[in-house]
Amino acid sequence: EATKTLPKVKGYVICPKCGNDEAYYWLLQTRRSDEPPTRFYRCTKCNHVWREYE
């Protein structure tokens, strides 16, 4: 699965769906180019995806 090649964080984020503290993440420019990118997370336990704006 391609997700397993993404960087992973542990203890930095908490999945809002299941409470797991480990997730894969990636950055995507979803707004104007002069604003910081959006960080997306995918839970390693339940596969829930959520985002965080920097």
PDB file of N, CA and C in Angstrom:
ATOM      1  N   GLU A   1       0.836  -1.180   0.000  1.00  0.00           N
ATOM      2  CA  GLU A   1       0.000   0.000   0.000  1.00  0.00           C
ATOM      3  C   GLU A   1       0.880   1.243   0.000  1.00  0.00           C
ATOM      4  N   ALA A   2       0.510   2.234  -0.787  1.00  0.00           N
ATOM      5  CA  ALA A   2       1.307   3.457  -0.924  1.00  0.00           C
ATOM      6  C   ALA A   2       1.397   4.257   0.369  1.00  0.00           C
ATOM      7  N   THR A   3       0.399   4.153   1.243  1.00  0.00           N
ATOM      8  CA  THR A   3       0.416   4.900   2.505  1.00  0.00           C
ATOM      9  C   THR A   3       1.635   4.554   3.337  1.00  0.00           C
ATOM     10  N   LYS A   4       2.096   3.333   3.280  1.00  0.00           N
ATOM     11  CA  LYS A   4       3.206   2.893   4.118  1.00  0.00           C
ATOM     12  C   LYS A   4       4.530   3.541   3.738  1.00  0.00           C
ATOM     13  N   THR A   5       4.599   4.225   2.600  1.00  0.00           N
ATOM     14  CA  THR A   5       5.814   4.940   2.218  1.00  0.00           C
ATOM     15  C   THR A   5       5.812   6.377   2.739  1.00  0.00           C
ATOM     16  N   LEU A   6       4.695   6.818   3.297  1.00  0.00           N
ATOM     17  CA  LEU A   6       4.598   8.174   3.844  1.00  0.00           C
ATOM     18  C   LEU A   6       5.297   8.252   5.194  1.00  0.00           C
ATOM     19  N   PRO A   7       5.767   9.449   5.582  1.00  0.00           N
ATOM     20  CA  PRO A   7       6.352   9.600   6.917  1.00  0.00           C
ATOM     21  C   PRO A   7       5.281   9.370   7.986  1.00  0.00           C
ATOM     22  N   LYS A   8       5.731   8.942   9.159  1.00  0.00           N
ATOM     23  CA  LYS A   8       4.818   8.607  10.247  1.00  0.00           C
ATOM     24  C   LYS A   8       5.188   9.401  11.496  1.00  0.00           C
ATOM     25  N   VAL A   9       4.181   9.812  12.260  1.00  0.00           N
ATOM     26  CA  VAL A   9       4.405  10.482  13.542  1.00  0.00           C
ATOM     27  C   VAL A   9       3.716   9.674  14.634  1.00  0.00           C
ATOM     28  N   LYS A  10       4.303   9.697  15.829  1.00  0.00           N
ATOM     29  CA  LYS A  10       3.719   8.994  16.972  1.00  0.00           C
ATOM     30  C   LYS A  10       3.771   9.918  18.182  1.00  0.00           C
ATOM     31  N   GLY A  11       2.628  10.056  18.866  1.00  0.00           N
ATOM     32  CA  GLY A  11       2.561  10.879  20.062  1.00  0.00           C
ATOM     33  C   GLY A  11       2.372  12.360  19.801  1.00  0.00           C
ATOM     34  N   TYR A  12       2.435  12.776  18.552  1.00  0.00           N
ATOM     35  CA  TYR A  12       2.302  14.193  18.199  1.00  0.00           C
ATOM     36  C   TYR A  12       0.847  14.568  17.918  1.00  0.00           C
ATOM     37  N   VAL A  13       0.082  13.624  17.380  1.00  0.00           N
ATOM     38  CA  VAL A  13      -1.322  13.859  17.044  1.00  0.00           C
ATOM     39  C   VAL A  13      -2.179  12.742  17.636  1.00  0.00           C
ATOM     40  N   ILE A  14      -3.446  13.030  17.814  1.00  0.00           N
ATOM     41  CA  ILE A  14      -4.408  12.045  18.296  1.00  0.00           C
ATOM     42  C   ILE A  14      -5.539  11.958  17.273  1.00  0.00           C
ATOM     43  N   CYS A  15      -5.848  10.754  16.839  1.00  0.00           N
ATOM     44  CA  CYS A  15      -6.941  10.565  15.883  1.00  0.00           C
ATOM     45  C   CYS A  15      -8.259  10.971  16.549  1.00  0.00           C
ATOM     46  N   PRO A  16      -9.020  11.874  15.910  1.00  0.00           N
ATOM     47  CA  PRO A  16     -10.283  12.308  16.504  1.00  0.00           C
ATOM     48  C   PRO A  16     -11.361  11.223  16.486  1.00  0.00           C
ATOM     49  N   LYS A  17     -11.148  10.161  15.713  1.00  0.00           N
ATOM     50  CA  LYS A  17     -12.152   9.103  15.607  1.00  0.00           C
ATOM     51  C   LYS A  17     -11.916   7.975  16.613  1.00  0.00           C
ATOM     52  N   CYS A  18     -10.655   7.514  16.750  1.00  0.00           N
ATOM     53  CA  CYS A  18     -10.404   6.345  17.607  1.00  0.00           C
ATOM     54  C   CYS A  18      -9.435   6.608  18.756  1.00  0.00           C
ATOM     55  N   GLY A  19      -8.771   7.776  18.771  1.00  0.00           N
ATOM     56  CA  GLY A  19      -7.862   8.101  19.860  1.00  0.00           C
ATOM     57  C   GLY A  19      -6.450   7.567  19.705  1.00  0.00           C
ATOM     58  N   ASN A  20      -6.150   6.908  18.604  1.00  0.00           N
ATOM     59  CA  ASN A  20      -4.799   6.397  18.344  1.00  0.00           C
ATOM     60  C   ASN A  20      -3.820   7.570  18.216  1.00  0.00           C
ATOM     61  N   ASP A  21      -2.573   7.358  18.657  1.00  0.00           N
ATOM     62  CA  ASP A  21      -1.590   8.458  18.617  1.00  0.00           C
ATOM     63  C   ASP A  21      -0.519   8.268  17.555  1.00  0.00           C
ATOM     64  N   GLU A  22      -0.800   7.474  16.533  1.00  0.00           N
ATOM     65  CA  GLU A  22       0.158   7.247  15.452  1.00  0.00           C
ATOM     66  C   GLU A  22      -0.544   7.463  14.112  1.00  0.00           C
ATOM     67  N   ALA A  23       0.100   8.241  13.226  1.00  0.00           N
ATOM     68  CA  ALA A  23      -0.526   8.563  11.945  1.00  0.00           C
ATOM     69  C   ALA A  23       0.527   8.811  10.876  1.00  0.00           C
ATOM     70  N   TYR A  24       0.164   8.509   9.637  1.00  0.00           N
ATOM     71  CA  TYR A  24       0.958   8.915   8.484  1.00  0.00           C
ATOM     72  C   TYR A  24       0.566  10.353   8.165  1.00  0.00           C
ATOM     73  N   TYR A  25       1.460  11.103   7.521  1.00  0.00           N
ATOM     74  CA  TYR A  25       1.100  12.475   7.160  1.00  0.00           C
ATOM     75  C   TYR A  25       1.697  12.854   5.818  1.00  0.00           C
ATOM     76  N   TRP A  26       1.092  13.857   5.194  1.00  0.00           N
ATOM     77  CA  TRP A  26       1.608  14.439   3.955  1.00  0.00           C
ATOM     78  C   TRP A  26       1.141  15.884   3.887  1.00  0.00           C
ATOM     79  N   LEU A  27       1.869  16.681   3.110  1.00  0.00           N
ATOM     80  CA  LEU A  27       1.556  18.105   2.943  1.00  0.00           C
ATOM     81  C   LEU A  27       0.982  18.344   1.554  1.00  0.00           C
ATOM     82  N   LEU A  28       0.008  19.250   1.488  1.00  0.00           N
ATOM     83  CA  LEU A  28      -0.610  19.586   0.213  1.00  0.00           C
ATOM     84  C   LEU A  28      -0.945  21.072   0.213  1.00  0.00           C
ATOM     85  N   GLN A  29      -0.631  21.746  -0.876  1.00  0.00           N
ATOM     86  CA  GLN A  29      -0.925  23.176  -0.991  1.00  0.00           C
ATOM     87  C   GLN A  29      -2.385  23.323  -1.390  1.00  0.00           C
ATOM     88  N   THR A  30      -3.269  23.581  -0.429  1.00  0.00           N
ATOM     89  CA  THR A  30      -4.703  23.662  -0.712  1.00  0.00           C
ATOM     90  C   THR A  30      -5.212  25.093  -0.798  1.00  0.00           C
ATOM     91  N   ARG A  31      -4.381  26.040  -0.382  1.00  0.00           N
ATOM     92  CA  ARG A  31      -4.782  27.447  -0.416  1.00  0.00           C
ATOM     93  C   ARG A  31      -3.812  28.209  -1.304  1.00  0.00           C
ATOM     94  N   ARG A  32      -3.798  29.523  -1.189  1.00  0.00           N
ATOM     95  CA  ARG A  32      -2.901  30.335  -2.019  1.00  0.00           C
ATOM     96  C   ARG A  32      -1.450  29.948  -1.775  1.00  0.00           C
ATOM     97  N   SER A  33      -0.624  30.158  -2.768  1.00  0.00           N
ATOM     98  CA  SER A  33       0.780  29.741  -2.674  1.00  0.00           C
ATOM     99  C   SER A  33       1.582  30.528  -1.651  1.00  0.00           C
ATOM    100  N   ASP A  34       1.098  31.696  -1.234  1.00  0.00           N
ATOM    101  CA  ASP A  34       1.827  32.458  -0.221  1.00  0.00           C
ATOM    102  C   ASP A  34       1.422  32.055   1.209  1.00  0.00           C
ATOM    103  N   GLU A  35       0.533  31.077   1.347  1.00  0.00           N
ATOM    104  CA  GLU A  35       0.136  30.562   2.654  1.00  0.00           C
ATOM    105  C   GLU A  35       0.760  29.185   2.866  1.00  0.00           C
ATOM    106  N   PRO A  36       0.948  28.779   4.112  1.00  0.00           N
ATOM    107  CA  PRO A  36       1.579  27.481   4.363  1.00  0.00           C
ATOM    108  C   PRO A  36       0.702  26.321   3.884  1.00  0.00           C
ATOM    109  N   PRO A  37       1.322  25.180   3.587  1.00  0.00           N
ATOM    110  CA  PRO A  37       0.552  24.027   3.116  1.00  0.00           C
ATOM    111  C   PRO A  37      -0.308  23.428   4.229  1.00  0.00           C
ATOM    112  N   THR A  38      -1.292  22.644   3.820  1.00  0.00           N
ATOM    113  CA  THR A  38      -2.152  21.924   4.753  1.00  0.00           C
ATOM    114  C   THR A  38      -1.522  20.565   5.020  1.00  0.00           C
ATOM    115  N   ARG A  39      -1.488  20.166   6.290  1.00  0.00           N
ATOM    116  CA  ARG A  39      -0.944  18.858   6.655  1.00  0.00           C
ATOM    117  C   ARG A  39      -2.119  17.894   6.848  1.00  0.00           C
ATOM    118  N   PHE A  40      -2.089  16.781   6.104  1.00  0.00           N
ATOM    119  CA  PHE A  40      -3.107  15.748   6.222  1.00  0.00           C
ATOM    120  C   PHE A  40      -2.540  14.586   7.019  1.00  0.00           C
ATOM    121  N   TYR A  41      -3.400  13.954   7.812  1.00  0.00           N
ATOM    122  CA  TYR A  41      -3.012  12.789   8.608  1.00  0.00           C
ATOM    123  C   TYR A  41      -3.928  11.625   8.279  1.00  0.00           C
ATOM    124  N   ARG A  42      -3.367  10.409   8.311  1.00  0.00           N
ATOM    125  CA  ARG A  42      -4.163   9.184   8.183  1.00  0.00           C
ATOM    126  C   ARG A  42      -3.800   8.288   9.355  1.00  0.00           C
ATOM    127  N   CYS A  43      -4.786   7.946  10.167  1.00  0.00           N
ATOM    128  CA  CYS A  43      -4.581   7.110  11.347  1.00  0.00           C
ATOM    129  C   CYS A  43      -4.073   5.729  10.936  1.00  0.00           C
ATOM    130  N   THR A  44      -3.077   5.225  11.658  1.00  0.00           N
ATOM    131  CA  THR A  44      -2.530   3.899  11.352  1.00  0.00           C
ATOM    132  C   THR A  44      -3.437   2.783  11.846  1.00  0.00           C
ATOM    133  N   LYS A  45      -4.396   3.103  12.696  1.00  0.00           N
ATOM    134  CA  LYS A  45      -5.289   2.085  13.260  1.00  0.00           C
ATOM    135  C   LYS A  45      -6.618   1.987  12.504  1.00  0.00           C
ATOM    136  N   CYS A  46      -7.312   3.128  12.328  1.00  0.00           N
ATOM    137  CA  CYS A  46      -8.653   3.093  11.719  1.00  0.00           C
ATOM    138  C   CYS A  46      -8.708   3.713  10.316  1.00  0.00           C
ATOM    139  N   ASN A  47      -7.579   4.254   9.826  1.00  0.00           N
ATOM    140  CA  ASN A  47      -7.473   4.876   8.496  1.00  0.00           C
ATOM    141  C   ASN A  47      -8.273   6.166   8.333  1.00  0.00           C
ATOM    142  N   HIS A  48      -8.740   6.738   9.426  1.00  0.00           N
ATOM    143  CA  HIS A  48      -9.438   8.028   9.363  1.00  0.00           C
ATOM    144  C   HIS A  48      -8.458   9.098   8.876  1.00  0.00           C
ATOM    145  N   VAL A  49      -8.928   9.996   8.003  1.00  0.00           N
ATOM    146  CA  VAL A  49      -8.098  11.084   7.475  1.00  0.00           C
ATOM    147  C   VAL A  49      -8.642  12.409   8.000  1.00  0.00           C
ATOM    148  N   TRP A  50      -7.731  13.252   8.490  1.00  0.00           N
ATOM    149  CA  TRP A  50      -8.104  14.597   8.917  1.00  0.00           C
ATOM    150  C   TRP A  50      -6.996  15.554   8.533  1.00  0.00           C
ATOM    151  N   ARG A  51      -7.249  16.850   8.656  1.00  0.00           N
ATOM    152  CA  ARG A  51      -6.266  17.847   8.231  1.00  0.00           C
ATOM    153  C   ARG A  51      -5.990  18.844   9.342  1.00  0.00           C
ATOM    154  N   GLU A  52      -4.844  19.490   9.189  1.00  0.00           N
ATOM    155  CA  GLU A  52      -4.422  20.523  10.131  1.00  0.00           C
ATOM    156  C   GLU A  52      -3.823  21.662   9.324  1.00  0.00           C
ATOM    157  N   TYR A  53      -4.333  22.863   9.559  1.00  0.00           N
ATOM    158  CA  TYR A  53      -3.781  24.038   8.887  1.00  0.00           C
ATOM    159  C   TYR A  53      -2.667  24.606   9.738  1.00  0.00           C
ATOM    160  N   GLU A  54      -1.558  24.974   9.109  1.00  0.00           N
ATOM    161  CA  GLU A  54      -0.436  25.536   9.860  1.00  0.00           C
ATOM    162  C   GLU A  54      -0.566  27.026   9.991  1.00  0.00           C
TER     163      GLU A  54
END
